[in-house]
Amino acid sequence: VFFYNGHPIKQVDILGTVIGVREKDAFYSYGATAAPSARELSLTSQLKKLQETIAQRAKLEIGDIIRVRGHIRIFRGEREIHATTYYKVDDPVCNVQIARMLELPAIYRKVYDQRFHSPALKEEEALSNPGTLDLDSLTCLLSEKAKEFLVENRVQTFYQQELETVESLLSLANQPVIHSACSGQMGFKNDTTSRAIHSIFRNAVKLLQEKGLVFQKDGGFDNLFYVTRENKELHRKIRRIIQEECQKPNHVEKGCHFLHILACARLSLSPGLSEPVLQQVLQLLEDQSDIVSTTEKYYTAF
């Protein structure tokens, strides 16, 4: 793990220009009988043609614009990017590069130029000093712990009442909180009634919904929640939408915009599908290399 201004950096997404090329001869090992049949020779010829086609499409030259994603590692004393995916960017009028340059200052201003705060350390401090959180902070912490519980246990669906029976979550929700008085004085109040517990869990689940981590289906059970990362059916349907739309002439070259995918999904899947849920699904599909974001907010599927 590398650091920039205290922020841990492991994975990178780079848009740049090829300034050097180092080529190595590919090595192939084939096994064949003493007298290969016509079918074996045909397969070898087809394999060679396939390799030539792949090499032609993957070949990069000096001056080409390339986008690389992967993680940083040290190899022979030098830092390099171990690419999980890379591709040549067709940017004849520099639209992609200009958009990237306009985006970077905002990212640095909002994230990397800010002091890094470790969520794990904040949680540890809060748990070791009960009664030092206000209601909003406790709700956020409970939401994070609920998220961890859902991920670790691969929960697909749940009711809020089920979360309220999880001992570790209930213990956290029972912590006393700090309330602000009108005079500005801070006082402690331990409100652990069942109504208060139910309220803080409801708000914690609402935070998960706002982040797109959980959702409810239209016309389904009012209190049943679905975990986005475990809803494989939704993943398959979103991917199929992108595949079908990217075959249309308007989207073949650049891919589909996020809002176009959202409109198609709301039309064919669920009118109530939220933007955060779709963003979570797209991120999961991209992590699995099922789709690739060609430019900002544009996606294409394999």
Protein backbone atom coordinates (compact mmCIF):
# COMPACT_ATOMS: atom_id res chain seq x y z
CA VAL A 1 0.00 0.00 0.00
CA PHE A 2 1.31 3.46 -0.95
CA PHE A 3 0.32 6.80 0.52
CA TYR A 4 -0.51 10.27 -0.77
CA ASN A 5 -0.95 12.97 1.86
CA GLY A 6 -1.81 10.27 4.39
CA HIS A 7 -4.37 8.56 2.13
CA PRO A 8 -3.66 4.87 1.44
CA ILE A 9 -3.42 4.19 -2.31
CA LYS A 10 -3.55 0.64 -3.64
CA GLN A 11 -5.63 0.67 -6.83
CA VAL A 12 -5.36 3.32 -9.54
CA ASP A 13 -7.25 4.47 -12.62
CA ILE A 14 -4.93 6.29 -15.02
CA LEU A 15 -5.51 8.11 -18.30
CA GLY A 16 -2.27 8.95 -20.07
CA THR A 17 -0.18 9.00 -23.23
CA VAL A 18 2.13 6.18 -24.28
CA ILE A 19 5.68 7.59 -24.27
CA GLY A 20 7.63 4.35 -24.53
CA VAL A 21 7.14 0.80 -25.74
CA ARG A 22 9.13 -2.24 -24.71
CA GLU A 23 8.31 -5.32 -26.75
CA LYS A 24 9.09 -8.94 -26.08
CA ASP A 25 8.66 -11.85 -28.44
CA ALA A 26 5.72 -14.05 -27.53
CA PHE A 27 6.60 -17.66 -26.84
CA TYR A 28 4.21 -20.46 -27.73
CA SER A 29 4.66 -24.16 -27.06
CA TYR A 30 2.76 -26.64 -29.21
CA GLY A 31 2.49 -30.38 -29.01
CA ALA A 32 1.93 -32.37 -32.18
CA THR A 33 2.09 -35.94 -33.44
CA ALA A 34 4.76 -37.05 -35.90
CA ALA A 35 2.24 -36.87 -38.72
CA PRO A 36 -0.37 -34.23 -37.88
CA SER A 37 -3.75 -34.66 -39.45
CA ALA A 38 -5.41 -32.07 -41.62
CA ARG A 39 -7.73 -31.14 -38.72
CA GLU A 40 -4.79 -30.47 -36.38
CA LEU A 41 -3.11 -28.27 -39.01
CA SER A 42 -6.38 -26.37 -39.52
CA LEU A 43 -6.74 -25.72 -35.77
CA THR A 44 -3.13 -24.52 -35.55
CA SER A 45 -3.72 -22.14 -38.45
CA GLN A 46 -6.90 -20.78 -36.86
CA LEU A 47 -5.12 -20.31 -33.53
CA LYS A 48 -2.35 -18.35 -35.24
CA LYS A 49 -4.87 -16.10 -36.97
CA LEU A 50 -6.64 -15.48 -33.65
CA GLN A 51 -3.35 -14.56 -31.99
CA GLU A 52 -2.52 -12.16 -34.82
CA THR A 53 -5.94 -10.51 -34.53
CA ILE A 54 -5.60 -10.08 -30.76
CA ALA A 55 -2.08 -8.71 -31.12
CA GLN A 56 -3.25 -6.20 -33.73
CA ARG A 57 -6.07 -4.88 -31.55
CA ALA A 58 -3.99 -4.78 -28.37
CA LYS A 59 -0.94 -3.16 -29.94
CA LEU A 60 -0.17 0.31 -28.65
CA GLU A 61 2.11 2.87 -30.22
CA ILE A 62 3.86 5.97 -28.93
CA GLY A 63 1.39 8.84 -28.72
CA ASP A 64 -1.69 6.66 -28.18
CA ILE A 65 -4.06 7.63 -25.36
CA ILE A 66 -4.52 4.72 -22.98
CA ARG A 67 -6.60 4.07 -19.87
CA VAL A 68 -5.15 1.65 -17.32
CA ARG A 69 -6.69 0.23 -14.16
CA GLY A 70 -4.91 -1.96 -11.68
CA HIS A 71 -2.94 -2.01 -8.45
CA ILE A 72 0.50 -0.62 -7.71
CA ARG A 73 3.34 -2.98 -6.90
CA ILE A 74 7.13 -2.96 -6.66
CA PHE A 75 8.94 -4.99 -9.31
CA ARG A 76 12.75 -5.06 -9.42
CA GLY A 77 12.94 -1.95 -7.28
CA GLU A 78 10.56 0.12 -9.41
CA ARG A 79 6.91 0.98 -9.00
CA GLU A 80 4.62 -0.31 -11.71
CA ILE A 81 0.93 -0.85 -12.31
CA HIS A 82 -0.23 -4.45 -12.55
CA ALA A 83 -3.11 -3.86 -14.95
CA THR A 84 -6.42 -5.65 -14.48
CA THR A 85 -7.69 -3.93 -17.62
CA TYR A 86 -6.36 -1.48 -20.18
CA TYR A 87 -7.53 -0.19 -23.52
CA LYS A 88 -6.76 2.41 -26.15
CA VAL A 89 -8.93 5.52 -25.91
CA ASP A 90 -10.21 7.03 -29.14
CA ASP A 91 -10.02 10.74 -28.35
CA PRO A 92 -9.30 12.68 -31.58
CA VAL A 93 -10.54 16.06 -30.27
CA CYS A 94 -9.33 15.57 -26.67
CA ASN A 95 -12.83 15.49 -25.13
CA VAL A 96 -11.94 12.64 -22.77
CA GLN A 97 -8.68 14.27 -21.67
CA ILE A 98 -10.34 17.64 -21.05
CA ALA A 99 -13.10 16.02 -18.99
CA ARG A 100 -10.46 14.20 -16.96
CA MET A 101 -8.46 17.37 -16.29
CA LEU A 102 -11.61 19.17 -15.15
CA GLU A 103 -12.52 16.28 -12.86
CA LEU A 104 -9.17 15.88 -11.09
CA PRO A 105 -9.02 19.23 -9.23
CA ALA A 106 -12.40 18.53 -7.63
CA ILE A 107 -11.28 15.04 -6.56
CA TYR A 108 -8.12 16.39 -4.95
CA ARG A 109 -10.00 19.24 -3.29
CA LYS A 110 -12.71 16.99 -1.83
CA VAL A 111 -10.62 13.92 -0.98
CA TYR A 112 -6.84 13.85 -1.25
CA ASP A 113 -6.12 17.38 0.01
CA GLN A 114 -8.28 16.72 3.06
CA ARG A 115 -6.90 15.12 6.17
CA PHE A 116 -7.37 11.35 6.11
CA HIS A 117 -9.61 9.94 8.83
CA SER A 118 -9.64 6.20 9.35
CA PRO A 119 -13.22 4.93 9.83
CA ALA A 120 -11.88 1.93 11.74
CA LEU A 121 -10.07 4.15 14.26
CA LYS A 122 -13.14 6.33 14.71
CA GLU A 123 -15.29 3.25 15.35
CA GLU A 124 -12.76 1.83 17.79
CA GLU A 125 -12.62 5.11 19.69
CA ALA A 126 -16.40 5.36 19.83
CA LEU A 127 -16.80 1.78 21.08
CA SER A 128 -14.10 2.21 23.73
CA ASN A 129 -15.69 5.44 25.00
CA PRO A 130 -19.45 4.82 25.23
CA GLY A 131 -21.60 7.86 25.71
CA THR A 132 -19.35 10.17 23.69
CA LEU A 133 -21.45 10.14 20.50
CA ASP A 134 -24.41 12.26 19.55
CA LEU A 135 -27.45 10.63 17.99
CA ASP A 136 -26.42 11.27 14.38
CA SER A 137 -22.93 9.82 14.92
CA LEU A 138 -24.33 6.77 16.68
CA THR A 139 -26.79 6.24 13.82
CA CYS A 140 -23.96 6.39 11.26
CA LEU A 141 -21.87 3.97 13.29
CA LEU A 142 -24.79 1.56 13.66
CA SER A 143 -25.38 1.78 9.91
CA GLU A 144 -21.73 0.84 9.22
CA LYS A 145 -21.88 -2.08 11.64
CA ALA A 146 -25.14 -3.27 10.08
CA LYS A 147 -23.47 -3.12 6.66
CA GLU A 148 -20.56 -5.23 7.94
CA PHE A 149 -22.99 -7.76 9.40
CA LEU A 150 -24.90 -8.07 6.10
CA VAL A 151 -21.70 -8.49 4.08
CA GLU A 152 -20.00 -10.96 6.42
CA ASN A 153 -23.09 -13.17 6.64
CA ARG A 154 -23.99 -12.80 2.94
CA VAL A 155 -27.53 -11.82 3.87
CA GLN A 156 -29.82 -11.61 0.82
CA THR A 157 -33.01 -10.26 2.40
CA PHE A 158 -33.94 -9.09 5.88
CA TYR A 159 -36.52 -7.31 7.97
CA GLN A 160 -35.53 -4.45 10.22
CA GLN A 161 -36.81 -6.39 13.22
CA GLU A 162 -34.27 -9.12 12.43
CA LEU A 163 -31.40 -6.65 12.68
CA GLU A 164 -32.74 -5.51 16.03
CA THR A 165 -32.20 -9.03 17.39
CA VAL A 166 -28.48 -9.11 16.50
CA GLU A 167 -26.72 -8.82 19.85
CA SER A 168 -23.74 -6.76 18.68
CA LEU A 169 -25.97 -4.25 16.87
CA LEU A 170 -28.46 -4.04 19.72
CA SER A 171 -25.65 -3.45 22.22
CA LEU A 172 -24.38 -0.56 20.10
CA ALA A 173 -27.85 0.95 19.72
CA ASN A 174 -28.26 0.82 23.51
CA GLN A 175 -25.35 3.19 24.10
CA PRO A 176 -26.19 6.50 25.77
CA VAL A 177 -26.02 9.51 23.49
CA ILE A 178 -25.18 13.18 23.93
CA HIS A 179 -28.02 15.65 23.38
CA SER A 180 -27.62 19.36 22.69
CA ALA A 181 -29.47 21.67 25.02
CA CYS A 182 -30.87 25.01 23.85
CA SER A 183 -28.32 26.78 26.02
CA GLY A 184 -25.48 25.03 24.25
CA GLN A 185 -24.66 22.81 27.23
CA MET A 186 -24.05 19.11 26.53
CA GLY A 187 -25.84 16.57 28.64
CA PHE A 188 -26.04 12.78 28.71
CA LYS A 189 -29.28 10.98 28.29
CA ASN A 190 -29.74 7.24 28.07
CA ASP A 191 -32.95 6.67 26.16
CA THR A 192 -33.09 2.92 25.57
CA THR A 193 -36.84 2.41 25.26
CA SER A 194 -38.02 0.01 22.58
CA ARG A 195 -39.39 2.94 20.60
CA ALA A 196 -36.02 4.73 20.63
CA ILE A 197 -34.19 1.53 19.64
CA HIS A 198 -36.62 0.94 16.78
CA SER A 199 -36.16 4.54 15.63
CA ILE A 200 -32.35 4.43 15.52
CA PHE A 201 -32.42 1.12 13.60
CA ARG A 202 -34.92 2.60 11.15
CA ASN A 203 -32.64 5.59 10.53
CA ALA A 204 -29.58 3.32 10.20
CA VAL A 205 -31.32 1.21 7.54
CA LYS A 206 -32.43 4.41 5.81
CA LEU A 207 -28.76 5.42 5.52
CA LEU A 208 -28.03 2.06 3.87
CA GLN A 209 -30.85 2.74 1.42
CA GLU A 210 -29.52 6.21 0.60
CA LYS A 211 -26.14 4.67 -0.22
CA GLY A 212 -27.78 2.03 -2.45
CA LEU A 213 -26.56 -0.85 -0.28
CA VAL A 214 -30.10 -2.12 0.32
CA PHE A 215 -33.41 -1.54 -1.45
CA GLN A 216 -37.08 -2.47 -1.44
CA LYS A 217 -39.02 -3.78 -4.41
CA ASP A 218 -42.04 -2.01 -5.84
CA GLY A 219 -45.25 -3.72 -4.85
CA GLY A 220 -43.40 -6.13 -2.57
CA PHE A 221 -43.54 -6.61 1.18
CA ASP A 222 -43.41 -3.21 2.85
CA ASN A 223 -40.79 -4.15 5.42
CA LEU A 224 -38.61 -6.54 3.39
CA PHE A 225 -35.20 -5.24 2.34
CA TYR A 226 -32.93 -6.70 -0.35
CA VAL A 227 -29.14 -6.50 -0.11
CA THR A 228 -27.85 -5.06 -3.39
CA ARG A 229 -24.54 -6.95 -3.56
CA GLU A 230 -26.28 -10.31 -3.03
CA ASN A 231 -29.11 -9.78 -5.52
CA LYS A 232 -27.56 -11.68 -8.44
CA GLU A 233 -30.79 -11.52 -10.45
CA LEU A 234 -30.63 -7.72 -10.49
CA HIS A 235 -26.95 -7.87 -11.51
CA ARG A 236 -27.75 -10.16 -14.47
CA LYS A 237 -30.63 -7.99 -15.65
CA ILE A 238 -28.61 -4.76 -15.50
CA ARG A 239 -25.75 -6.40 -17.38
CA ARG A 240 -28.16 -7.70 -20.03
CA ILE A 241 -29.59 -4.19 -20.48
CA ILE A 242 -26.10 -2.78 -21.06
CA GLN A 243 -25.23 -5.58 -23.49
CA GLU A 244 -28.39 -5.05 -25.54
CA GLU A 245 -28.15 -1.25 -25.56
CA CYS A 246 -24.46 -1.28 -26.52
CA GLN A 247 -25.33 -3.20 -29.69
CA LYS A 248 -27.39 -0.26 -30.93
CA PRO A 249 -25.64 2.16 -33.34
CA ASN A 250 -25.83 5.12 -30.94
CA HIS A 251 -23.95 3.26 -28.20
CA VAL A 252 -21.54 0.95 -30.04
CA GLU A 253 -18.56 3.30 -29.90
CA LYS A 254 -18.90 5.09 -26.57
CA GLY A 255 -21.15 2.81 -24.53
CA CYS A 256 -24.27 3.68 -22.53
CA HIS A 257 -24.53 6.66 -20.20
CA PHE A 258 -25.49 6.04 -16.58
CA LEU A 259 -28.78 7.93 -16.93
CA HIS A 260 -29.70 5.95 -20.06
CA ILE A 261 -29.10 2.68 -18.22
CA LEU A 262 -31.18 3.99 -15.31
CA ALA A 263 -34.07 4.91 -17.64
CA CYS A 264 -33.99 1.48 -19.30
CA ALA A 265 -33.85 -0.29 -15.93
CA ARG A 266 -36.77 1.70 -14.56
CA LEU A 267 -38.76 0.98 -17.71
CA SER A 268 -38.13 -2.77 -17.82
CA LEU A 269 -37.33 -3.73 -14.22
CA SER A 270 -38.60 -1.35 -11.56
CA PRO A 271 -39.91 2.24 -11.76
CA GLY A 272 -38.57 2.86 -8.25
CA LEU A 273 -34.97 1.82 -8.89
CA SER A 274 -32.76 4.48 -7.31
CA GLU A 275 -29.55 5.96 -8.69
CA PRO A 276 -27.44 4.80 -5.69
CA VAL A 277 -28.62 1.19 -6.13
CA LEU A 278 -27.77 1.23 -9.83
CA GLN A 279 -24.37 2.78 -9.04
CA GLN A 280 -23.66 -0.02 -6.56
CA VAL A 281 -24.62 -2.67 -9.14
CA LEU A 282 -22.43 -1.07 -11.82
CA GLN A 283 -19.50 -0.92 -9.40
CA LEU A 284 -19.93 -4.61 -8.54
CA LEU A 285 -20.16 -5.60 -12.22
CA GLU A 286 -17.06 -3.54 -13.00
CA ASP A 287 -15.14 -5.15 -10.12
CA GLN A 288 -16.01 -8.54 -11.65
CA SER A 289 -14.91 -7.32 -15.12
CA ASP A 290 -18.41 -7.92 -16.50
CA ILE A 291 -18.57 -4.31 -17.67
CA VAL A 292 -16.09 -1.47 -18.22
CA SER A 293 -16.60 2.28 -17.84
CA THR A 294 -15.31 3.66 -21.13
CA THR A 295 -15.44 7.31 -20.04
CA GLU A 296 -17.01 9.15 -17.14
CA LYS A 297 -20.52 7.72 -16.57
CA TYR A 298 -20.41 5.61 -19.77
CA TYR A 299 -20.39 1.81 -19.61
CA THR A 300 -20.05 -1.09 -22.03
CA ALA A 301 -20.50 -4.82 -21.42
CA PHE A 302 -18.63 -7.83 -22.72
